[in-house]
PDB file of N, CA and C in Angstrom:
ATOM      1  N   MET A   1     119.027  93.970 108.845  1.00  0.00           N
ATOM      2  CA  MET A   1     119.634  93.586 107.958  1.00  0.00           C
ATOM      3  C   MET A   1     118.801  94.865 106.599  1.00  0.00           C
ATOM      4  N   ALA A   2     118.914  95.519 105.828  1.00  0.00           N
ATOM      5  CA  ALA A   2     118.336  95.962 105.252  1.00  0.00           C
ATOM      6  C   ALA A   2     117.173  95.184 104.237  1.00  0.00           C
ATOM      7  N   LYS A   3     115.574  96.057 104.271  1.00  0.00           N
ATOM      8  CA  LYS A   3     114.798  95.228 103.360  1.00  0.00           C
ATOM      9  C   LYS A   3     115.100  95.256 101.935  1.00  0.00           C
ATOM     10  N   MET A   4     115.207  94.375 100.574  1.00  0.00           N
ATOM     11  CA  MET A   4     115.594  94.161  99.598  1.00  0.00           C
ATOM     12  C   MET A   4     114.636  95.390  98.364  1.00  0.00           C
ATOM     13  N   THR A   5     115.426  96.247  97.761  1.00  0.00           N
ATOM     14  CA  THR A   5     114.781  96.928  97.385  1.00  0.00           C
ATOM     15  C   THR A   5     113.961  95.924  95.592  1.00  0.00           C
ATOM     16  N   LYS A   6     113.448  96.676  95.014  1.00  0.00           N
ATOM     17  CA  LYS A   6     112.636  95.746  93.501  1.00  0.00           C
ATOM     18  C   LYS A   6     113.993  95.802  92.812  1.00  0.00           C
ATOM     19  N   ASN A   7     114.923  96.726  92.350  1.00  0.00           N
ATOM     20  CA  ASN A   7     115.734  96.323  92.116  1.00  0.00           C
ATOM     21  C   ASN A   7     117.361  95.132  92.270  1.00  0.00           C
ATOM     22  N   GLN A   8     117.170  95.395  93.829  1.00  0.00           N
ATOM     23  CA  GLN A   8     117.882  94.675  94.515  1.00  0.00           C
ATOM     24  C   GLN A   8     116.999  92.675  93.893  1.00  0.00           C
ATOM     25  N   LEU A   9     115.763  92.541  94.094  1.00  0.00           N
ATOM     26  CA  LEU A   9     114.563  92.356  93.645  1.00  0.00           C
ATOM     27  C   LEU A   9     115.094  90.805  92.040  1.00  0.00           C
ATOM     28  N   ILE A  10     115.071  92.137  91.774  1.00  0.00           N
ATOM     29  CA  ILE A  10     115.358  91.926  89.686  1.00  0.00           C
ATOM     30  C   ILE A  10     116.654  91.074  90.215  1.00  0.00           C
ATOM     31  N   ASP A  11     118.330  91.907  90.078  1.00  0.00           N
ATOM     32  CA  ASP A  11     119.535  91.483  90.559  1.00  0.00           C
ATOM     33  C   ASP A  11     118.997  89.413  90.478  1.00  0.00           C
ATOM     34  N   ALA A  12     119.149  89.197  91.872  1.00  0.00           N
ATOM     35  CA  ALA A  12     118.881  88.449  92.800  1.00  0.00           C
ATOM     36  C   ALA A  12     118.432  87.176  91.612  1.00  0.00           C
ATOM     37  N   ILE A  13     117.087  87.489  91.156  1.00  0.00           N
ATOM     38  CA  ILE A  13     116.301  86.181  90.196  1.00  0.00           C
ATOM     39  C   ILE A  13     117.184  86.787  89.356  1.00  0.00           C
ATOM     40  N   ALA A  14     117.710  87.966  88.632  1.00  0.00           N
ATOM     41  CA  ALA A  14     118.964  87.594  87.303  1.00  0.00           C
ATOM     42  C   ALA A  14     119.656  86.474  87.653  1.00  0.00           C
ATOM     43  N   GLU A  15     120.355  86.812  88.319  1.00  0.00           N
ATOM     44  CA  GLU A  15     121.611  86.152  88.508  1.00  0.00           C
ATOM     45  C   GLU A  15     120.832  84.592  88.952  1.00  0.00           C
ATOM     46  N   GLY A  16     119.763  84.281  89.569  1.00  0.00           N
ATOM     47  CA  GLY A  16     119.652  82.659  89.994  1.00  0.00           C
ATOM     48  C   GLY A  16     119.077  81.730  88.335  1.00  0.00           C
ATOM     49  N   THR A  17     118.834  82.734  87.688  1.00  0.00           N
ATOM     50  CA  THR A  17     117.846  82.074  86.800  1.00  0.00           C
ATOM     51  C   THR A  17     118.645  82.020  84.932  1.00  0.00           C
ATOM     52  N   GLN A  18     119.506  83.039  84.953  1.00  0.00           N
ATOM     53  CA  GLN A  18     120.118  83.474  83.533  1.00  0.00           C
ATOM     54  C   GLN A  18     118.865  83.757  83.086  1.00  0.00           C
ATOM     55  N   ILE A  19     118.036  84.350  83.304  1.00  0.00           N
ATOM     56  CA  ILE A  19     117.148  85.353  82.797  1.00  0.00           C
ATOM     57  C   ILE A  19     117.706  87.342  82.449  1.00  0.00           C
ATOM     58  N   SER A  20     117.256  87.527  81.488  1.00  0.00           N
ATOM     59  CA  SER A  20     117.478  88.853  81.376  1.00  0.00           C
ATOM     60  C   SER A  20     117.091  89.367  82.707  1.00  0.00           C
ATOM     61  N   LYS A  21     117.820  90.762  82.856  1.00  0.00           N
ATOM     62  CA  LYS A  21     117.201  91.674  83.691  1.00  0.00           C
ATOM     63  C   LYS A  21     115.620  92.750  83.209  1.00  0.00           C
ATOM     64  N   ASN A  22     115.652  93.266  82.599  1.00  0.00           N
ATOM     65  CA  ASN A  22     114.471  92.903  81.285  1.00  0.00           C
ATOM     66  C   ASN A  22     113.349  92.481  81.626  1.00  0.00           C
ATOM     67  N   ASP A  23     113.480  91.235  81.031  1.00  0.00           N
ATOM     68  CA  ASP A  23     112.237  89.911  80.947  1.00  0.00           C
ATOM     69  C   ASP A  23     112.264  89.769  83.222  1.00  0.00           C
ATOM     70  N   VAL A  24     113.272  89.648  83.255  1.00  0.00           N
ATOM     71  CA  VAL A  24     112.647  89.590  85.091  1.00  0.00           C
ATOM     72  C   VAL A  24     111.699  90.172  85.429  1.00  0.00           C
ATOM     73  N   ARG A  25     111.851  91.287  85.175  1.00  0.00           N
ATOM     74  CA  ARG A  25     111.427  93.115  85.155  1.00  0.00           C
ATOM     75  C   ARG A  25     109.927  93.302  84.872  1.00  0.00           C
ATOM     76  N   THR A  26     109.796  92.403  83.718  1.00  0.00           N
ATOM     77  CA  THR A  26     108.694  92.493  82.966  1.00  0.00           C
ATOM     78  C   THR A  26     107.895  92.088  83.602  1.00  0.00           C
ATOM     79  N   VAL A  27     108.333  90.475  83.820  1.00  0.00           N
ATOM     80  CA  VAL A  27     107.877  89.405  84.676  1.00  0.00           C
ATOM     81  C   VAL A  27     106.595  89.680  86.347  1.00  0.00           C
ATOM     82  N   ILE A  28     108.052  90.264  86.878  1.00  0.00           N
ATOM     83  CA  ILE A  28     107.754  90.806  88.097  1.00  0.00           C
ATOM     84  C   ILE A  28     106.476  92.081  88.518  1.00  0.00           C
ATOM     85  N   GLU A  29     106.094  92.940  86.498  1.00  0.00           N
ATOM     86  CA  GLU A  29     105.436  93.898  86.589  1.00  0.00           C
ATOM     87  C   GLU A  29     103.617  93.474  86.468  1.00  0.00           C
ATOM     88  N   HIS A  30     104.073  91.938  85.613  1.00  0.00           N
ATOM     89  CA  HIS A  30     102.907  91.820  85.011  1.00  0.00           C
ATOM     90  C   HIS A  30     102.391  90.989  86.477  1.00  0.00           C
ATOM     91  N   MET A  31     103.213  90.766  86.589  1.00  0.00           N
ATOM     92  CA  MET A  31     102.523  89.445  88.031  1.00  0.00           C
ATOM     93  C   MET A  31     102.335  90.524  89.122  1.00  0.00           C
ATOM     94  N   ALA A  32     102.651  91.852  89.003  1.00  0.00           N
ATOM     95  CA  ALA A  32     101.218  92.544  90.160  1.00  0.00           C
ATOM     96  C   ALA A  32      99.842  93.157  89.445  1.00  0.00           C
ATOM     97  N   THR A  33     100.584  93.699  88.234  1.00  0.00           N
ATOM     98  CA  THR A  33      99.076  93.789  87.027  1.00  0.00           C
ATOM     99  C   THR A  33      98.465  93.022  87.527  1.00  0.00           C
ATOM    100  N   VAL A  34      98.414  90.868  86.823  1.00  0.00           N
ATOM    101  CA  VAL A  34      97.509  90.323  87.799  1.00  0.00           C
ATOM    102  C   VAL A  34      96.885  90.219  88.138  1.00  0.00           C
ATOM    103  N   GLY A  35      97.823  90.330  89.889  1.00  0.00           N
ATOM    104  CA  GLY A  35      97.062  90.531  91.362  1.00  0.00           C
ATOM    105  C   GLY A  35      96.311  91.447  91.055  1.00  0.00           C
ATOM    106  N   TYR A  36      96.672  92.568  91.051  1.00  0.00           N
ATOM    107  CA  TYR A  36      95.842  93.536  90.786  1.00  0.00           C
ATOM    108  C   TYR A  36      93.836  93.318  90.296  1.00  0.00           C
ATOM    109  N   ARG A  37      94.601  92.903  89.379  1.00  0.00           N
ATOM    110  CA  ARG A  37      92.825  92.292  88.288  1.00  0.00           C
ATOM    111  C   ARG A  37      92.239  91.156  89.319  1.00  0.00           C
ATOM    112  N   GLU A  38      92.978  90.416  89.715  1.00  0.00           N
ATOM    113  CA  GLU A  38      92.471  89.186  90.718  1.00  0.00           C
ATOM    114  C   GLU A  38      91.463  89.913  92.086  1.00  0.00           C
ATOM    115  N   LEU A  39      92.330  90.621  92.467  1.00  0.00           N
ATOM    116  CA  LEU A  39      91.819  90.341  93.844  1.00  0.00           C
ATOM    117  C   LEU A  39      90.857  91.421  93.552  1.00  0.00           C
ATOM    118  N   ASN A  40      90.671  92.619  92.873  1.00  0.00           N
ATOM    119  CA  ASN A  40      89.010  93.468  91.895  1.00  0.00           C
ATOM    120  C   ASN A  40      88.651  92.498  91.647  1.00  0.00           C
ATOM    121  N   GLU A  41      88.733  91.098  90.767  1.00  0.00           N
ATOM    122  CA  GLU A  41      87.222  89.965  90.140  1.00  0.00           C
ATOM    123  C   GLU A  41      87.400  88.959  90.990  1.00  0.00           C
ATOM    124  N   SER A  42      87.891  88.430  92.027  1.00  0.00           N
ATOM    125  CA  SER A  42      86.779  87.403  92.892  1.00  0.00           C
ATOM    126  C   SER A  42      87.943  87.747  94.718  1.00  0.00           C
ATOM    127  N   GLY A  43      88.169  88.698  94.211  1.00  0.00           N
ATOM    128  CA  GLY A  43      88.946  88.959  95.859  1.00  0.00           C
ATOM    129  C   GLY A  43      89.544  88.458  96.541  1.00  0.00           C
ATOM    130  N   GLU A  44      90.709  87.383  95.459  1.00  0.00           N
ATOM    131  CA  GLU A  44      91.678  86.809  96.125  1.00  0.00           C
ATOM    132  C   GLU A  44      93.035  86.125  95.214  1.00  0.00           C
ATOM    133  N   PHE A  45      93.839  86.608  95.471  1.00  0.00           N
ATOM    134  CA  PHE A  45      95.428  85.997  94.777  1.00  0.00           C
ATOM    135  C   PHE A  45      96.269  85.719  95.852  1.00  0.00           C
ATOM    136  N   VAL A  46      96.956  84.657  94.853  1.00  0.00           N
ATOM    137  CA  VAL A  46      97.659  83.857  95.565  1.00  0.00           C
ATOM    138  C   VAL A  46      99.036  83.659  94.900  1.00  0.00           C
ATOM    139  N   ILE A  47     100.148  83.864  95.230  1.00  0.00           N
ATOM    140  CA  ILE A  47     101.409  83.343  95.122  1.00  0.00           C
ATOM    141  C   ILE A  47     102.035  82.277  95.300  1.00  0.00           C
ATOM    142  N   PRO A  48     102.074  80.595  94.552  1.00  0.00           N
ATOM    143  CA  PRO A  48     102.273  79.637  94.636  1.00  0.00           C
ATOM    144  C   PRO A  48     103.562  79.728  96.540  1.00  0.00           C
ATOM    145  N   GLY A  49     103.580  78.903  97.100  1.00  0.00           N
ATOM    146  CA  GLY A  49     104.626  79.013  97.724  1.00  0.00           C
ATOM    147  C   GLY A  49     104.666  79.801  98.363  1.00  0.00           C
ATOM    148  N   PHE A  50     104.251  80.798  98.526  1.00  0.00           N
ATOM    149  CA  PHE A  50     104.640  82.134  99.165  1.00  0.00           C
ATOM    150  C   PHE A  50     103.767  83.206 100.217  1.00  0.00           C
ATOM    151  N   VAL A  51     102.568  83.430  99.541  1.00  0.00           N
ATOM    152  CA  VAL A  51     101.846  84.067 100.278  1.00  0.00           C
ATOM    153  C   VAL A  51     100.278  84.027  99.873  1.00  0.00           C
ATOM    154  N   LYS A  52      99.270  84.467 100.662  1.00  0.00           N
ATOM    155  CA  LYS A  52      97.484  84.272  99.621  1.00  0.00           C
ATOM    156  C   LYS A  52      97.021  86.160 100.340  1.00  0.00           C
ATOM    157  N   MET A  53      96.840  86.316  99.449  1.00  0.00           N
ATOM    158  CA  MET A  53      96.591  88.125  99.715  1.00  0.00           C
ATOM    159  C   MET A  53      94.730  88.042  99.555  1.00  0.00           C
ATOM    160  N   SER A  54      93.862  88.874 100.015  1.00  0.00           N
ATOM    161  CA  SER A  54      92.533  88.270 100.220  1.00  0.00           C
ATOM    162  C   SER A  54      92.507  89.854 100.587  1.00  0.00           C
ATOM    163  N   VAL A  55      90.844  90.558  99.751  1.00  0.00           N
ATOM    164  CA  VAL A  55      90.361  91.310 100.442  1.00  0.00           C
ATOM    165  C   VAL A  55      89.434  91.561 101.542  1.00  0.00           C
ATOM    166  N   VAL A  56      89.429  92.355 102.284  1.00  0.00           N
ATOM    167  CA  VAL A  56      88.376  92.404 103.517  1.00  0.00           C
ATOM    168  C   VAL A  56      87.625  93.250 103.260  1.00  0.00           C
ATOM    169  N   HIS A  57      86.779  93.770 103.846  1.00  0.00           N
ATOM    170  CA  HIS A  57      85.879  94.695 103.855  1.00  0.00           C
ATOM    171  C   HIS A  57      85.049  95.347 105.043  1.00  0.00           C
ATOM    172  N   LYS A  58      86.093  96.099 105.451  1.00  0.00           N
ATOM    173  CA  LYS A  58      85.197  97.154 106.693  1.00  0.00           C
ATOM    174  C   LYS A  58      84.175  97.444 106.460  1.00  0.00           C
ATOM    175  N   PRO A  59      83.802  97.649 107.376  1.00  0.00           N
ATOM    176  CA  PRO A  59      82.381  97.829 107.647  1.00  0.00           C
ATOM    177  C   PRO A  59      82.028  99.539 108.122  1.00  0.00           C
ATOM    178  N   ALA A  60      81.495 100.888 107.821  1.00  0.00           N
ATOM    179  CA  ALA A  60      81.349 102.095 108.043  1.00  0.00           C
ATOM    180  C   ALA A  60      81.554 102.010 110.045  1.00  0.00           C
ATOM    181  N   THR A  61      81.868 102.801 110.537  1.00  0.00           N
ATOM    182  CA  THR A  61      81.492 103.187 111.683  1.00  0.00           C
ATOM    183  C   THR A  61      81.118 104.270 111.952  1.00  0.00           C
ATOM    184  N   GLU A  62      79.669 104.668 112.653  1.00  0.00           N
ATOM    185  CA  GLU A  62      79.145 105.878 113.074  1.00  0.00           C
ATOM    186  C   GLU A  62      80.322 106.671 113.857  1.00  0.00           C
ATOM    187  N   ALA A  63      79.589 107.743 113.868  1.00  0.00           N
ATOM    188  CA  ALA A  63      80.264 108.703 115.320  1.00  0.00           C
ATOM    189  C   ALA A  63      79.850 108.546 115.911  1.00  0.00           C
ATOM    190  N   ARG A  64      81.373 108.690 117.393  1.00  0.00           N
ATOM    191  CA  ARG A  64      80.304 108.337 118.115  1.00  0.00           C
ATOM    192  C   ARG A  64      81.511 109.130 118.942  1.00  0.00           C
ATOM    193  N   SER A  65      80.783 109.343 120.469  1.00  0.00           N
ATOM    194  CA  SER A  65      81.529 110.545 122.157  1.00  0.00           C
ATOM    195  C   SER A  65      82.470 109.003 122.224  1.00  0.00           C
ATOM    196  N   GLY A  66      83.987 109.994 122.794  1.00  0.00           N
ATOM    197  CA  GLY A  66      84.885 109.004 123.623  1.00  0.00           C
ATOM    198  C   GLY A  66      85.600 110.118 124.259  1.00  0.00           C
ATOM    199  N   VAL A  67      86.440 109.443 125.102  1.00  0.00           N
ATOM    200  CA  VAL A  67      87.578 110.690 125.800  1.00  0.00           C
ATOM    201  C   VAL A  67      88.874 110.654 125.129  1.00  0.00           C
ATOM    202  N   ASN A  68      89.716 111.561 124.888  1.00  0.00           N
ATOM    203  CA  ASN A  68      91.283 111.923 124.309  1.00  0.00           C
ATOM    204  C   ASN A  68      92.006 111.702 125.495  1.00  0.00           C
ATOM    205  N   PRO A  69      92.500 110.363 125.426  1.00  0.00           N
ATOM    206  CA  PRO A  69      93.510 109.285 126.656  1.00  0.00           C
ATOM    207  C   PRO A  69      94.687 110.412 127.077  1.00  0.00           C
ATOM    208  N   PHE A  70      95.037 111.222 126.252  1.00  0.00           N
ATOM    209  CA  PHE A  70      95.926 112.519 126.944  1.00  0.00           C
ATOM    210  C   PHE A  70      94.979 113.452 127.666  1.00  0.00           C
ATOM    211  N   THR A  71      94.291 114.006 126.873  1.00  0.00           N
ATOM    212  CA  THR A  71      93.965 115.568 128.097  1.00  0.00           C
ATOM    213  C   THR A  71      92.927 114.841 128.961  1.00  0.00           C
ATOM    214  N   LYS A  72      92.432 113.240 128.830  1.00  0.00           N
ATOM    215  CA  LYS A  72      90.736 113.110 129.461  1.00  0.00           C
ATOM    216  C   LYS A  72      89.708 113.879 129.071  1.00  0.00           C
ATOM    217  N   GLU A  73      89.470 115.258 127.835  1.00  0.00           N
ATOM    218  CA  GLU A  73      88.251 115.781 128.123  1.00  0.00           C
ATOM    219  C   GLU A  73      87.631 114.621 126.657  1.00  0.00           C
ATOM    220  N   PRO A  74      86.333 114.983 127.068  1.00  0.00           N
ATOM    221  CA  PRO A  74      84.959 114.026 125.756  1.00  0.00           C
ATOM    222  C   PRO A  74      85.512 114.917 124.505  1.00  0.00           C
ATOM    223  N   MET A  75      85.554 114.025 123.555  1.00  0.00           N
ATOM    224  CA  MET A  75      85.875 114.184 122.415  1.00  0.00           C
ATOM    225  C   MET A  75      84.867 113.461 121.391  1.00  0.00           C
ATOM    226  N   GLU A  76      84.466 114.023 119.701  1.00  0.00           N
ATOM    227  CA  GLU A  76      83.818 113.157 118.912  1.00  0.00           C
ATOM    228  C   GLU A  76      84.899 112.942 118.655  1.00  0.00           C
ATOM    229  N   PHE A  77      84.516 111.471 117.496  1.00  0.00           N
ATOM    230  CA  PHE A  77      85.588 110.807 116.855  1.00  0.00           C
ATOM    231  C   PHE A  77      84.506 111.042 115.668  1.00  0.00           C
ATOM    232  N   ALA A  78      85.125 111.296 114.505  1.00  0.00           N
ATOM    233  CA  ALA A  78      84.228 111.365 113.318  1.00  0.00           C
ATOM    234  C   ALA A  78      83.822 109.803 112.872  1.00  0.00           C
ATOM    235  N   ALA A  79      82.612 109.144 111.891  1.00  0.00           N
ATOM    236  CA  ALA A  79      82.401 108.889 111.640  1.00  0.00           C
ATOM    237  C   ALA A  79      82.793 108.290 110.185  1.00  0.00           C
ATOM    238  N   LYS A  80      83.442 106.776 109.022  1.00  0.00           N
ATOM    239  CA  LYS A  80      84.271 106.105 108.757  1.00  0.00           C
ATOM    240  C   LYS A  80      83.109 105.497 107.443  1.00  0.00           C
ATOM    241  N   PRO A  81      83.826 105.918 106.596  1.00  0.00           N
ATOM    242  CA  PRO A  81      82.916 105.147 105.332  1.00  0.00           C
ATOM    243  C   PRO A  81      83.785 104.316 105.180  1.00  0.00           C
ATOM    244  N   ALA A  82      82.928 102.818 104.530  1.00  0.00           N
ATOM    245  CA  ALA A  82      83.128 101.226 104.689  1.00  0.00           C
ATOM    246  C   ALA A  82      84.747 101.831 103.457  1.00  0.00           C
ATOM    247  N   SER A  83      85.444 100.673 104.121  1.00  0.00           N
ATOM    248  CA  SER A  83      86.412 100.602 103.147  1.00  0.00           C
ATOM    249  C   SER A  83      87.100  99.156 102.954  1.00  0.00           C
ATOM    250  N   LYS A  84      87.603  98.669 101.712  1.00  0.00           N
ATOM    251  CA  LYS A  84      87.979  97.645 101.674  1.00  0.00           C
ATOM    252  C   LYS A  84      89.276  97.503 101.663  1.00  0.00           C
ATOM    253  N   SER A  85      90.384  96.400 102.239  1.00  0.00           N
ATOM    254  CA  SER A  85      91.895  96.625 102.154  1.00  0.00           C
ATOM    255  C   SER A  85      92.039  95.440 102.041  1.00  0.00           C
ATOM    256  N   VAL A  86      93.667  95.138 102.084  1.00  0.00           N
ATOM    257  CA  VAL A  86      93.881  93.816 101.509  1.00  0.00           C
ATOM    258  C   VAL A  86      94.464  93.313 102.700  1.00  0.00           C
ATOM    259  N   LYS A  87      94.866  91.805 102.873  1.00  0.00           N
ATOM    260  CA  LYS A  87      94.336  91.173 104.026  1.00  0.00           C
ATOM    261  C   LYS A  87      96.376  89.863 103.284  1.00  0.00           C
ATOM    262  N   ALA A  88      97.118  90.268 104.023  1.00  0.00           N
ATOM    263  CA  ALA A  88      97.807  89.543 103.678  1.00  0.00           C
ATOM    264  C   ALA A  88      98.717  87.810 104.827  1.00  0.00           C
ATOM    265  N   SER A  89      98.819  86.744 103.977  1.00  0.00           N
ATOM    266  CA  SER A  89      98.845  85.686 104.793  1.00  0.00           C
ATOM    267  C   SER A  89      99.578  84.280 104.128  1.00  0.00           C
ATOM    268  N   PRO A  90     101.183  84.751 104.772  1.00  0.00           N
ATOM    269  CA  PRO A  90     102.150  83.786 104.879  1.00  0.00           C
ATOM    270  C   PRO A  90     101.232  82.920 104.306  1.00  0.00           C
ATOM    271  N   LEU A  91     101.558  81.371 103.786  1.00  0.00           N
ATOM    272  CA  LEU A  91     101.605  79.983 103.231  1.00  0.00           C
ATOM    273  C   LEU A  91     102.613  78.917 104.253  1.00  0.00           C
ATOM    274  N   LYS A  92     101.967  78.364 104.614  1.00  0.00           N
ATOM    275  CA  LYS A  92     102.694  77.121 105.882  1.00  0.00           C
ATOM    276  C   LYS A  92     104.043  77.288 105.030  1.00  0.00           C
ATOM    277  N   VAL A  93     104.117  77.369 103.619  1.00  0.00           N
ATOM    278  CA  VAL A  93     105.908  76.429 103.404  1.00  0.00           C
ATOM    279  C   VAL A  93     106.858  77.979 103.608  1.00  0.00           C
ATOM    280  N   ALA A  94     106.034  78.963 103.413  1.00  0.00           N
ATOM    281  CA  ALA A  94     106.633  80.720 103.863  1.00  0.00           C
ATOM    282  C   ALA A  94     107.159  80.331 105.497  1.00  0.00           C
ATOM    283  N   LYS A  95     106.183  79.872 106.433  1.00  0.00           N
ATOM    284  CA  LYS A  95     106.419  80.219 107.639  1.00  0.00           C
ATOM    285  C   LYS A  95     107.071  78.959 108.221  1.00  0.00           C
ATOM    286  N   ASP A  96     107.512  78.047 107.258  1.00  0.00           N
ATOM    287  CA  ASP A  96     108.605  76.876 107.835  1.00  0.00           C
ATOM    288  C   ASP A  96     109.632  77.256 107.109  1.00  0.00           C
ATOM    289  N   ALA A  97     109.928  77.985 105.996  1.00  0.00           N
ATOM    290  CA  ALA A  97     111.756  78.485 105.598  1.00  0.00           C
ATOM    291  C   ALA A  97     111.702  79.523 106.296  1.00  0.00           C
ATOM    292  N   VAL A  98     111.744  80.602 107.458  1.00  0.00           N
ATOM    293  CA  VAL A  98     112.117  81.296 107.827  1.00  0.00           C
ATOM    294  C   VAL A  98     112.767  80.811 108.903  1.00  0.00           C
TER     295      VAL A  98
END
């Protein structure tokens, strides 16, 4: 089964709720905007009954030496700066639905 595109999602919601496609599109786009803002401000965003997203802080790593697993030659791995990533965890309701 192929993954659902944004337009297919909008069509499915519009058909199931008798709301216009433009209104559904506006709601989805605004929900994304609100989600980004909440992740920046509080570090957490929940779509009730579906998923919980949170910001994960990854610390910086120092340069290190290691061994190339393919050639077995020694090599240097570059340092990486600290970064932030988003972690998504399905809620119990979503897990039970699958």
